[in-house]
Amino acid sequence: MYLCFDSDPVGKNGATQAAEQLQKKGITVYTVELPDKDITIYFNRHTPEEFEQLLKAANPASVSSQIRCTSVNKPYTSRKNTVSRWATPHGTTR
């Protein structure tokens, strides 16, 4: 499973908590680190191909990595619904 959350301290804290919970269930977790602090800003400024490159560069999550995330079960949407438009043709779900 890939986790991609805001790169600010709150987002990193939440991602670490989510990774810990998923790993306890035996799920392999990869963290995607964004160059922009805010996920909405990233998807408004970058292409799906650029995001795919980040997915390929994702590292397995480490409990000590200090990467965190706050809303695993809440679907991400933006004004332009960028993530949903990208995810659907790539076989992923919200």
N, C-alpha and C. Protein backbone atom coordinates (compact mmCIF):
# COMPACT_ATOMS: atom_id res chain seq x y z
N MET A 1 0.85 -1.15 0.00
CA MET A 1 0.00 0.00 0.00
C MET A 1 0.90 1.23 0.00
N TYR A 2 0.51 2.22 -0.77
CA TYR A 2 1.24 3.48 -0.83
C TYR A 2 0.54 4.53 0.02
N LEU A 3 1.33 5.26 0.82
CA LEU A 3 0.81 6.37 1.61
C LEU A 3 1.40 7.65 1.06
N CYS A 4 0.55 8.62 0.85
CA CYS A 4 1.00 9.91 0.33
C CYS A 4 0.21 11.01 1.03
N PHE A 5 0.88 11.73 1.89
CA PHE A 5 0.23 12.76 2.67
C PHE A 5 1.04 14.04 2.64
N ASP A 6 0.47 15.09 3.16
CA ASP A 6 1.19 16.36 3.24
C ASP A 6 2.57 16.14 3.86
N SER A 7 3.54 16.92 3.41
CA SER A 7 4.91 16.79 3.90
C SER A 7 5.22 17.70 5.08
N ASP A 8 4.19 18.32 5.65
CA ASP A 8 4.41 19.14 6.84
C ASP A 8 4.50 18.23 8.07
N PRO A 9 4.88 18.76 9.22
CA PRO A 9 5.03 17.92 10.42
C PRO A 9 3.76 17.14 10.80
N VAL A 10 2.60 17.74 10.67
CA VAL A 10 1.36 17.04 11.00
C VAL A 10 1.13 15.88 10.04
N GLY A 11 1.34 16.10 8.76
CA GLY A 11 1.17 15.03 7.77
C GLY A 11 2.15 13.90 7.99
N LYS A 12 3.40 14.23 8.28
CA LYS A 12 4.41 13.21 8.53
C LYS A 12 4.08 12.40 9.78
N ASN A 13 3.58 13.06 10.81
CA ASN A 13 3.19 12.38 12.04
C ASN A 13 2.06 11.40 11.77
N GLY A 14 1.06 11.83 11.04
CA GLY A 14 -0.07 10.96 10.72
C GLY A 14 0.34 9.79 9.85
N ALA A 15 1.25 10.00 8.89
CA ALA A 15 1.71 8.92 8.01
C ALA A 15 2.42 7.84 8.80
N THR A 16 3.20 8.25 9.78
CA THR A 16 3.90 7.27 10.62
C THR A 16 2.89 6.42 11.39
N GLN A 17 1.88 7.06 11.94
CA GLN A 17 0.86 6.32 12.69
C GLN A 17 0.11 5.35 11.78
N ALA A 18 -0.25 5.80 10.59
CA ALA A 18 -0.96 4.94 9.65
C ALA A 18 -0.08 3.77 9.22
N ALA A 19 1.18 4.04 8.92
CA ALA A 19 2.11 2.97 8.51
C ALA A 19 2.24 1.93 9.61
N GLU A 20 2.35 2.37 10.85
CA GLU A 20 2.47 1.45 11.97
C GLU A 20 1.25 0.53 12.05
N GLN A 21 0.06 1.10 11.94
CA GLN A 21 -1.17 0.31 12.02
C GLN A 21 -1.28 -0.69 10.87
N LEU A 22 -0.94 -0.25 9.67
CA LEU A 22 -1.01 -1.14 8.51
C LEU A 22 0.02 -2.25 8.60
N GLN A 23 1.23 -1.93 9.05
CA GLN A 23 2.28 -2.93 9.18
C GLN A 23 1.91 -3.97 10.24
N LYS A 24 1.21 -3.58 11.28
CA LYS A 24 0.76 -4.53 12.30
C LYS A 24 -0.19 -5.56 11.69
N LYS A 25 -0.87 -5.19 10.63
CA LYS A 25 -1.80 -6.10 9.95
C LYS A 25 -1.10 -6.87 8.83
N GLY A 26 0.22 -6.73 8.74
CA GLY A 26 0.98 -7.47 7.74
C GLY A 26 0.99 -6.84 6.36
N ILE A 27 0.60 -5.59 6.26
CA ILE A 27 0.54 -4.90 4.97
C ILE A 27 1.86 -4.19 4.72
N THR A 28 2.45 -4.42 3.55
CA THR A 28 3.66 -3.71 3.17
C THR A 28 3.28 -2.29 2.80
N VAL A 29 3.95 -1.32 3.40
CA VAL A 29 3.62 0.09 3.21
C VAL A 29 4.80 0.81 2.57
N TYR A 30 4.50 1.60 1.55
CA TYR A 30 5.49 2.45 0.90
C TYR A 30 5.07 3.90 1.10
N THR A 31 6.02 4.74 1.41
CA THR A 31 5.71 6.15 1.60
C THR A 31 6.15 6.96 0.39
N VAL A 32 5.27 7.81 -0.07
CA VAL A 32 5.54 8.69 -1.20
C VAL A 32 5.82 10.07 -0.64
N GLU A 33 7.00 10.58 -0.90
CA GLU A 33 7.36 11.90 -0.39
C GLU A 33 7.17 12.94 -1.48
N LEU A 34 6.37 13.94 -1.19
CA LEU A 34 6.08 15.00 -2.15
C LEU A 34 7.09 16.13 -2.05
N PRO A 35 7.46 16.72 -3.20
CA PRO A 35 8.35 17.88 -3.16
C PRO A 35 7.65 19.13 -2.62
N ASP A 36 6.33 19.18 -2.79
CA ASP A 36 5.53 20.28 -2.25
C ASP A 36 4.99 19.83 -0.89
N LYS A 37 4.86 20.74 0.05
CA LYS A 37 4.37 20.36 1.38
C LYS A 37 2.92 19.92 1.37
N ASP A 38 2.12 20.49 0.50
CA ASP A 38 0.68 20.23 0.49
C ASP A 38 0.30 19.35 -0.70
N ILE A 39 -0.46 18.29 -0.44
CA ILE A 39 -0.83 17.34 -1.50
C ILE A 39 -1.71 18.00 -2.56
N THR A 40 -2.58 18.92 -2.16
CA THR A 40 -3.43 19.62 -3.12
C THR A 40 -2.58 20.46 -4.07
N ILE A 41 -1.62 21.17 -3.53
CA ILE A 41 -0.73 21.97 -4.37
C ILE A 41 0.02 21.07 -5.34
N TYR A 42 0.51 19.93 -4.85
CA TYR A 42 1.25 19.02 -5.72
C TYR A 42 0.40 18.60 -6.92
N PHE A 43 -0.81 18.13 -6.68
CA PHE A 43 -1.64 17.62 -7.77
C PHE A 43 -2.14 18.72 -8.70
N ASN A 44 -2.16 19.94 -8.24
CA ASN A 44 -2.53 21.05 -9.13
C ASN A 44 -1.36 21.52 -9.98
N ARG A 45 -0.13 21.21 -9.58
CA ARG A 45 1.06 21.68 -10.29
C ARG A 45 1.78 20.61 -11.10
N HIS A 46 1.48 19.35 -10.86
CA HIS A 46 2.26 18.27 -11.47
C HIS A 46 1.37 17.32 -12.28
N THR A 47 2.00 16.59 -13.16
CA THR A 47 1.29 15.66 -14.05
C THR A 47 1.16 14.28 -13.40
N PRO A 48 0.24 13.46 -13.91
CA PRO A 48 0.15 12.08 -13.43
C PRO A 48 1.46 11.32 -13.64
N GLU A 49 2.16 11.61 -14.72
CA GLU A 49 3.44 10.94 -14.99
C GLU A 49 4.48 11.28 -13.92
N GLU A 50 4.47 12.52 -13.47
CA GLU A 50 5.39 12.92 -12.40
C GLU A 50 5.06 12.19 -11.10
N PHE A 51 3.76 12.00 -10.84
CA PHE A 51 3.36 11.27 -9.65
C PHE A 51 3.77 9.81 -9.76
N GLU A 52 3.65 9.23 -10.95
CA GLU A 52 4.09 7.84 -11.15
C GLU A 52 5.57 7.69 -10.82
N GLN A 53 6.38 8.68 -11.17
CA GLN A 53 7.80 8.64 -10.84
C GLN A 53 8.01 8.64 -9.33
N LEU A 54 7.19 9.40 -8.62
CA LEU A 54 7.29 9.40 -7.15
C LEU A 54 6.91 8.03 -6.59
N LEU A 55 5.89 7.40 -7.20
CA LEU A 55 5.50 6.06 -6.75
C LEU A 55 6.65 5.08 -6.94
N LYS A 56 7.32 5.17 -8.08
CA LYS A 56 8.44 4.26 -8.36
C LYS A 56 9.60 4.49 -7.39
N ALA A 57 9.74 5.71 -6.90
CA ALA A 57 10.83 6.05 -5.99
C ALA A 57 10.45 5.84 -4.52
N ALA A 58 9.22 5.41 -4.26
CA ALA A 58 8.75 5.27 -2.88
C ALA A 58 9.58 4.25 -2.13
N ASN A 59 9.80 4.53 -0.87
CA ASN A 59 10.58 3.64 0.00
C ASN A 59 9.65 2.90 0.95
N PRO A 60 10.04 1.67 1.31
CA PRO A 60 9.23 0.98 2.33
C PRO A 60 9.19 1.82 3.60
N ALA A 61 8.02 1.89 4.19
CA ALA A 61 7.86 2.68 5.42
C ALA A 61 8.61 2.01 6.56
N SER A 62 9.17 2.82 7.39
CA SER A 62 9.84 2.36 8.59
C SER A 62 9.14 3.00 9.78
N VAL A 63 8.91 2.23 10.80
CA VAL A 63 8.24 2.77 11.98
C VAL A 63 9.02 3.95 12.53
N SER A 64 10.33 3.93 12.37
CA SER A 64 11.15 5.02 12.90
C SER A 64 11.36 6.14 11.89
N SER A 65 10.67 6.07 10.75
CA SER A 65 10.93 7.04 9.68
C SER A 65 10.33 8.41 9.95
N GLN A 66 9.46 8.53 10.95
CA GLN A 66 8.82 9.81 11.28
C GLN A 66 7.95 10.33 10.15
N ILE A 67 7.42 9.45 9.32
CA ILE A 67 6.49 9.87 8.28
C ILE A 67 5.10 9.55 8.80
N ARG A 68 4.20 10.48 8.73
CA ARG A 68 2.89 10.30 9.33
C ARG A 68 1.75 10.72 8.42
N CYS A 69 0.53 10.33 8.81
CA CYS A 69 -0.62 10.63 8.01
C CYS A 69 -1.88 10.68 8.86
N THR A 70 -2.86 11.52 8.49
CA THR A 70 -4.00 11.72 9.39
C THR A 70 -5.33 11.16 8.94
N SER A 71 -5.55 10.93 7.68
CA SER A 71 -6.90 10.51 7.27
C SER A 71 -6.84 9.40 6.23
N VAL A 72 -6.50 8.20 6.67
CA VAL A 72 -6.35 7.07 5.76
C VAL A 72 -7.67 6.72 5.09
N ASN A 73 -8.77 6.73 5.82
CA ASN A 73 -10.04 6.29 5.27
C ASN A 73 -10.84 7.38 4.58
N LYS A 74 -10.36 8.60 4.60
CA LYS A 74 -11.08 9.71 4.01
C LYS A 74 -10.61 9.92 2.57
N PRO A 75 -11.50 9.79 1.57
CA PRO A 75 -11.05 9.97 0.19
C PRO A 75 -10.58 11.39 -0.07
N TYR A 76 -9.52 11.51 -0.83
CA TYR A 76 -8.97 12.83 -1.16
C TYR A 76 -9.72 13.40 -2.35
N THR A 77 -10.17 14.62 -2.22
CA THR A 77 -10.76 15.32 -3.36
C THR A 77 -10.24 16.74 -3.35
N SER A 78 -10.17 17.31 -4.51
CA SER A 78 -9.78 18.71 -4.60
C SER A 78 -10.81 19.42 -5.46
N ARG A 79 -10.64 20.70 -5.59
CA ARG A 79 -11.56 21.50 -6.39
C ARG A 79 -11.71 20.90 -7.79
N LYS A 80 -10.62 20.43 -8.36
CA LYS A 80 -10.66 19.89 -9.72
C LYS A 80 -10.76 18.37 -9.73
N ASN A 81 -10.82 17.75 -8.56
CA ASN A 81 -10.91 16.30 -8.45
C ASN A 81 -9.77 15.62 -9.18
N THR A 82 -8.59 16.18 -9.11
CA THR A 82 -7.42 15.72 -9.84
C THR A 82 -7.06 14.28 -9.53
N VAL A 83 -7.06 13.92 -8.26
CA VAL A 83 -6.65 12.57 -7.89
C VAL A 83 -7.61 11.54 -8.46
N SER A 84 -8.90 11.79 -8.36
CA SER A 84 -9.87 10.84 -8.87
C SER A 84 -9.74 10.67 -10.37
N ARG A 85 -9.52 11.77 -11.08
CA ARG A 85 -9.37 11.67 -12.53
C ARG A 85 -8.13 10.87 -12.89
N TRP A 86 -7.08 10.99 -12.11
CA TRP A 86 -5.86 10.25 -12.39
C TRP A 86 -6.00 8.79 -11.99
N ALA A 87 -6.57 8.53 -10.83
CA ALA A 87 -6.60 7.19 -10.27
C ALA A 87 -7.47 6.23 -11.06
N THR A 88 -8.62 6.65 -11.52
CA THR A 88 -9.55 5.76 -12.18
C THR A 88 -8.94 5.05 -13.39
N PRO A 89 -8.30 5.75 -14.36
CA PRO A 89 -7.74 5.05 -15.50
C PRO A 89 -6.53 4.18 -15.14
N HIS A 90 -5.96 4.38 -13.97
CA HIS A 90 -4.80 3.61 -13.57
C HIS A 90 -5.18 2.43 -12.68
N GLY A 91 -6.46 2.14 -12.59
CA GLY A 91 -6.91 0.95 -11.88
C GLY A 91 -6.88 1.05 -10.37
N THR A 92 -6.86 2.24 -9.84
CA THR A 92 -6.89 2.39 -8.39
C THR A 92 -8.24 2.94 -7.98
N THR A 93 -8.54 2.84 -6.71
CA THR A 93 -9.82 3.35 -6.23
C THR A 93 -9.60 4.43 -5.21
N ARG A 94 -10.66 5.20 -4.98
CA ARG A 94 -10.60 6.25 -3.97
C ARG A 94 -10.90 5.69 -2.63
